[in-house]
Structure formats: structure tokens, C-alpha cells
Amino acid sequence: TERTGEGAYTIRYFSPKAEVPFCGHATVATALALAERDGPGELLFATAAGPVPVTVVRDGGELRATLTSV
């Protein structure tokens, strides 16, 4: 994951055999890890499958991430 701007990152995904264009679970995990470090908010991931916006909110002490899968 490489930061390209405020809340914007380029992200790449790899299986054991090759790079893949998108992985929803890895995107959610990355968004939550970044939110734990930087706080909740809007993130935008540039993936090989296209841009993926993710919203992270704090809900009752927990972080929750939502995205629309590509």
C-alpha cells in the first residue's frame, strides 16, 4: 500500500501464484488498520480493478468499514 494523497492509497493484491486485481477482505483489513492508526474517515484505494472508496466509522467503540465491491 502506497499513500498517494490525503486518504488516498494505491493497493496491490497477491495470491500465492500471481497478482490479482481486487480482494475485498484485504481492502477492509487495510482500511481498518489505517483507521486504527490515523482515525476513521473516507479512504480511496486505487486498485487494478479501479477506484474503491471505503468509509470507516467508529460505532460504540468499534471501527466499521463499508465498501461496494468492484
N, C-alpha and C. Protein backbone atom coordinates (compact mmCIF):
# COMPACT_ATOMS: atom_id res chain seq x y z
N THR A 1 0.85 -1.18 0.00
CA THR A 1 0.00 0.00 0.00
C THR A 1 0.89 1.23 0.00
N GLU A 2 0.62 2.14 -0.91
CA GLU A 2 1.39 3.38 -1.01
C GLU A 2 0.43 4.56 -0.92
N ARG A 3 0.73 5.50 -0.02
CA ARG A 3 -0.11 6.69 0.14
C ARG A 3 0.14 7.62 -1.03
N THR A 4 -0.95 8.08 -1.67
CA THR A 4 -0.82 8.97 -2.82
C THR A 4 -1.44 10.34 -2.57
N GLY A 5 -2.03 10.53 -1.41
CA GLY A 5 -2.65 11.79 -1.06
C GLY A 5 -3.41 11.63 0.24
N GLU A 6 -4.13 12.66 0.66
CA GLU A 6 -4.90 12.60 1.89
C GLU A 6 -6.01 11.56 1.77
N GLY A 7 -5.88 10.46 2.49
CA GLY A 7 -6.87 9.39 2.46
C GLY A 7 -6.86 8.57 1.19
N ALA A 8 -5.85 8.74 0.35
CA ALA A 8 -5.78 8.02 -0.93
C ALA A 8 -4.54 7.12 -0.96
N TYR A 9 -4.75 5.90 -1.43
CA TYR A 9 -3.68 4.91 -1.44
C TYR A 9 -3.76 4.07 -2.71
N THR A 10 -2.61 3.63 -3.18
CA THR A 10 -2.53 2.60 -4.21
C THR A 10 -2.33 1.29 -3.48
N ILE A 11 -3.11 0.27 -3.84
CA ILE A 11 -3.01 -1.01 -3.16
C ILE A 11 -2.95 -2.13 -4.20
N ARG A 12 -2.12 -3.13 -3.90
CA ARG A 12 -1.97 -4.29 -4.80
C ARG A 12 -2.22 -5.55 -3.99
N TYR A 13 -2.71 -6.58 -4.66
CA TYR A 13 -3.08 -7.84 -4.00
C TYR A 13 -2.38 -9.00 -4.70
N PHE A 14 -1.96 -9.97 -3.89
CA PHE A 14 -1.25 -11.12 -4.44
C PHE A 14 -1.81 -12.41 -3.87
N SER A 15 -2.02 -13.40 -4.74
CA SER A 15 -2.32 -14.77 -4.32
C SER A 15 -0.98 -15.50 -4.29
N PRO A 16 -0.96 -16.75 -3.87
CA PRO A 16 0.32 -17.48 -3.89
C PRO A 16 0.93 -17.61 -5.28
N LYS A 17 0.09 -17.50 -6.33
CA LYS A 17 0.60 -17.71 -7.69
C LYS A 17 0.76 -16.44 -8.52
N ALA A 18 -0.02 -15.40 -8.22
CA ALA A 18 0.01 -14.22 -9.10
C ALA A 18 -0.63 -13.02 -8.41
N GLU A 19 -0.43 -11.86 -9.00
CA GLU A 19 -1.12 -10.66 -8.56
C GLU A 19 -2.57 -10.75 -9.03
N VAL A 20 -3.51 -10.31 -8.19
CA VAL A 20 -4.93 -10.31 -8.55
C VAL A 20 -5.44 -8.88 -8.52
N PRO A 21 -6.50 -8.55 -9.30
CA PRO A 21 -6.92 -7.16 -9.41
C PRO A 21 -7.62 -6.60 -8.18
N PHE A 22 -8.27 -7.46 -7.36
CA PHE A 22 -9.03 -6.94 -6.22
C PHE A 22 -9.24 -8.04 -5.20
N CYS A 23 -9.26 -7.65 -3.92
CA CYS A 23 -9.57 -8.57 -2.82
C CYS A 23 -10.31 -7.77 -1.75
N GLY A 24 -11.60 -8.02 -1.62
CA GLY A 24 -12.42 -7.26 -0.68
C GLY A 24 -11.98 -7.38 0.77
N HIS A 25 -11.71 -8.61 1.22
CA HIS A 25 -11.31 -8.80 2.61
C HIS A 25 -10.01 -8.06 2.93
N ALA A 26 -9.06 -8.11 2.04
CA ALA A 26 -7.79 -7.41 2.26
C ALA A 26 -7.99 -5.90 2.27
N THR A 27 -8.92 -5.42 1.46
CA THR A 27 -9.20 -3.98 1.42
C THR A 27 -9.82 -3.52 2.73
N VAL A 28 -10.78 -4.28 3.25
CA VAL A 28 -11.40 -3.94 4.53
C VAL A 28 -10.36 -3.99 5.65
N ALA A 29 -9.53 -5.02 5.67
CA ALA A 29 -8.50 -5.14 6.70
C ALA A 29 -7.52 -3.97 6.64
N THR A 30 -7.14 -3.57 5.44
CA THR A 30 -6.22 -2.44 5.29
C THR A 30 -6.87 -1.15 5.75
N ALA A 31 -8.13 -0.94 5.39
CA ALA A 31 -8.85 0.27 5.80
C ALA A 31 -8.94 0.34 7.32
N LEU A 32 -9.24 -0.78 7.97
CA LEU A 32 -9.35 -0.77 9.43
C LEU A 32 -7.99 -0.54 10.09
N ALA A 33 -6.94 -1.12 9.54
CA ALA A 33 -5.60 -0.89 10.09
C ALA A 33 -5.21 0.57 9.97
N LEU A 34 -5.49 1.18 8.82
CA LEU A 34 -5.18 2.60 8.65
C LEU A 34 -6.02 3.46 9.58
N ALA A 35 -7.29 3.10 9.79
CA ALA A 35 -8.16 3.86 10.69
C ALA A 35 -7.71 3.73 12.14
N GLU A 36 -7.20 2.57 12.52
CA GLU A 36 -6.67 2.42 13.88
C GLU A 36 -5.48 3.36 14.09
N ARG A 37 -4.69 3.53 13.06
CA ARG A 37 -3.51 4.40 13.15
C ARG A 37 -3.87 5.88 13.01
N ASP A 38 -4.73 6.21 12.02
CA ASP A 38 -4.99 7.60 11.64
C ASP A 38 -6.36 8.13 12.04
N GLY A 39 -7.26 7.25 12.48
CA GLY A 39 -8.62 7.65 12.81
C GLY A 39 -9.57 7.34 11.67
N PRO A 40 -10.87 7.24 11.97
CA PRO A 40 -11.86 6.90 10.95
C PRO A 40 -12.02 8.01 9.92
N GLY A 41 -12.64 7.67 8.79
CA GLY A 41 -12.88 8.64 7.74
C GLY A 41 -13.06 7.98 6.40
N GLU A 42 -12.95 8.79 5.36
CA GLU A 42 -13.10 8.33 3.98
C GLU A 42 -11.73 7.99 3.41
N LEU A 43 -11.64 6.83 2.78
CA LEU A 43 -10.40 6.40 2.13
C LEU A 43 -10.72 6.07 0.67
N LEU A 44 -9.72 6.21 -0.18
CA LEU A 44 -9.88 5.83 -1.58
C LEU A 44 -8.67 5.00 -1.98
N PHE A 45 -8.95 3.76 -2.39
CA PHE A 45 -7.90 2.84 -2.81
C PHE A 45 -7.91 2.72 -4.32
N ALA A 46 -6.77 2.98 -4.94
CA ALA A 46 -6.60 2.75 -6.38
C ALA A 46 -6.15 1.30 -6.54
N THR A 47 -6.98 0.49 -7.19
CA THR A 47 -6.68 -0.93 -7.40
C THR A 47 -6.59 -1.20 -8.90
N ALA A 48 -6.10 -2.37 -9.26
CA ALA A 48 -6.05 -2.76 -10.67
C ALA A 48 -7.46 -2.90 -11.25
N ALA A 49 -8.46 -3.09 -10.39
CA ALA A 49 -9.85 -3.20 -10.85
C ALA A 49 -10.55 -1.85 -10.91
N GLY A 50 -9.89 -0.79 -10.45
CA GLY A 50 -10.48 0.54 -10.45
C GLY A 50 -10.49 1.13 -9.05
N PRO A 51 -11.01 2.35 -8.91
CA PRO A 51 -11.02 3.01 -7.60
C PRO A 51 -12.05 2.36 -6.67
N VAL A 52 -11.68 2.23 -5.39
CA VAL A 52 -12.56 1.63 -4.39
C VAL A 52 -12.63 2.56 -3.19
N PRO A 53 -13.76 3.28 -3.03
CA PRO A 53 -13.92 4.12 -1.85
C PRO A 53 -14.34 3.26 -0.65
N VAL A 54 -13.79 3.58 0.52
CA VAL A 54 -14.12 2.87 1.76
C VAL A 54 -14.40 3.92 2.82
N THR A 55 -15.48 3.71 3.56
CA THR A 55 -15.82 4.58 4.68
C THR A 55 -15.60 3.81 5.97
N VAL A 56 -14.85 4.41 6.89
CA VAL A 56 -14.62 3.80 8.20
C VAL A 56 -15.21 4.73 9.25
N VAL A 57 -16.07 4.17 10.12
CA VAL A 57 -16.69 4.94 11.19
C VAL A 57 -16.43 4.23 12.52
N ARG A 58 -16.49 5.01 13.59
CA ARG A 58 -16.42 4.43 14.93
C ARG A 58 -17.85 4.27 15.42
N ASP A 59 -18.19 3.06 15.85
CA ASP A 59 -19.56 2.74 16.28
C ASP A 59 -19.48 2.02 17.62
N GLY A 60 -19.81 2.74 18.69
CA GLY A 60 -19.79 2.12 20.01
C GLY A 60 -18.42 1.60 20.42
N GLY A 61 -17.38 2.30 20.06
CA GLY A 61 -16.03 1.89 20.40
C GLY A 61 -15.37 0.97 19.40
N GLU A 62 -16.12 0.51 18.40
CA GLU A 62 -15.55 -0.35 17.37
C GLU A 62 -15.45 0.40 16.05
N LEU A 63 -14.48 0.02 15.25
CA LEU A 63 -14.37 0.57 13.90
C LEU A 63 -15.14 -0.32 12.94
N ARG A 64 -15.88 0.30 12.02
CA ARG A 64 -16.62 -0.44 11.00
C ARG A 64 -16.29 0.15 9.63
N ALA A 65 -16.00 -0.73 8.68
CA ALA A 65 -15.66 -0.30 7.32
C ALA A 65 -16.74 -0.78 6.36
N THR A 66 -17.10 0.09 5.42
CA THR A 66 -18.05 -0.29 4.37
C THR A 66 -17.47 0.07 3.02
N LEU A 67 -17.73 -0.80 2.05
CA LEU A 67 -17.31 -0.54 0.67
C LEU A 67 -18.27 -1.25 -0.26
N THR A 68 -18.27 -0.81 -1.50
CA THR A 68 -19.00 -1.51 -2.55
C THR A 68 -17.97 -2.28 -3.35
N SER A 69 -18.12 -3.59 -3.38
CA SER A 69 -17.15 -4.44 -4.08
C SER A 69 -17.18 -4.15 -5.57
N VAL A 70 -16.01 -4.21 -6.20
CA VAL A 70 -15.91 -3.95 -7.64
C VAL A 70 -16.00 -5.24 -8.42
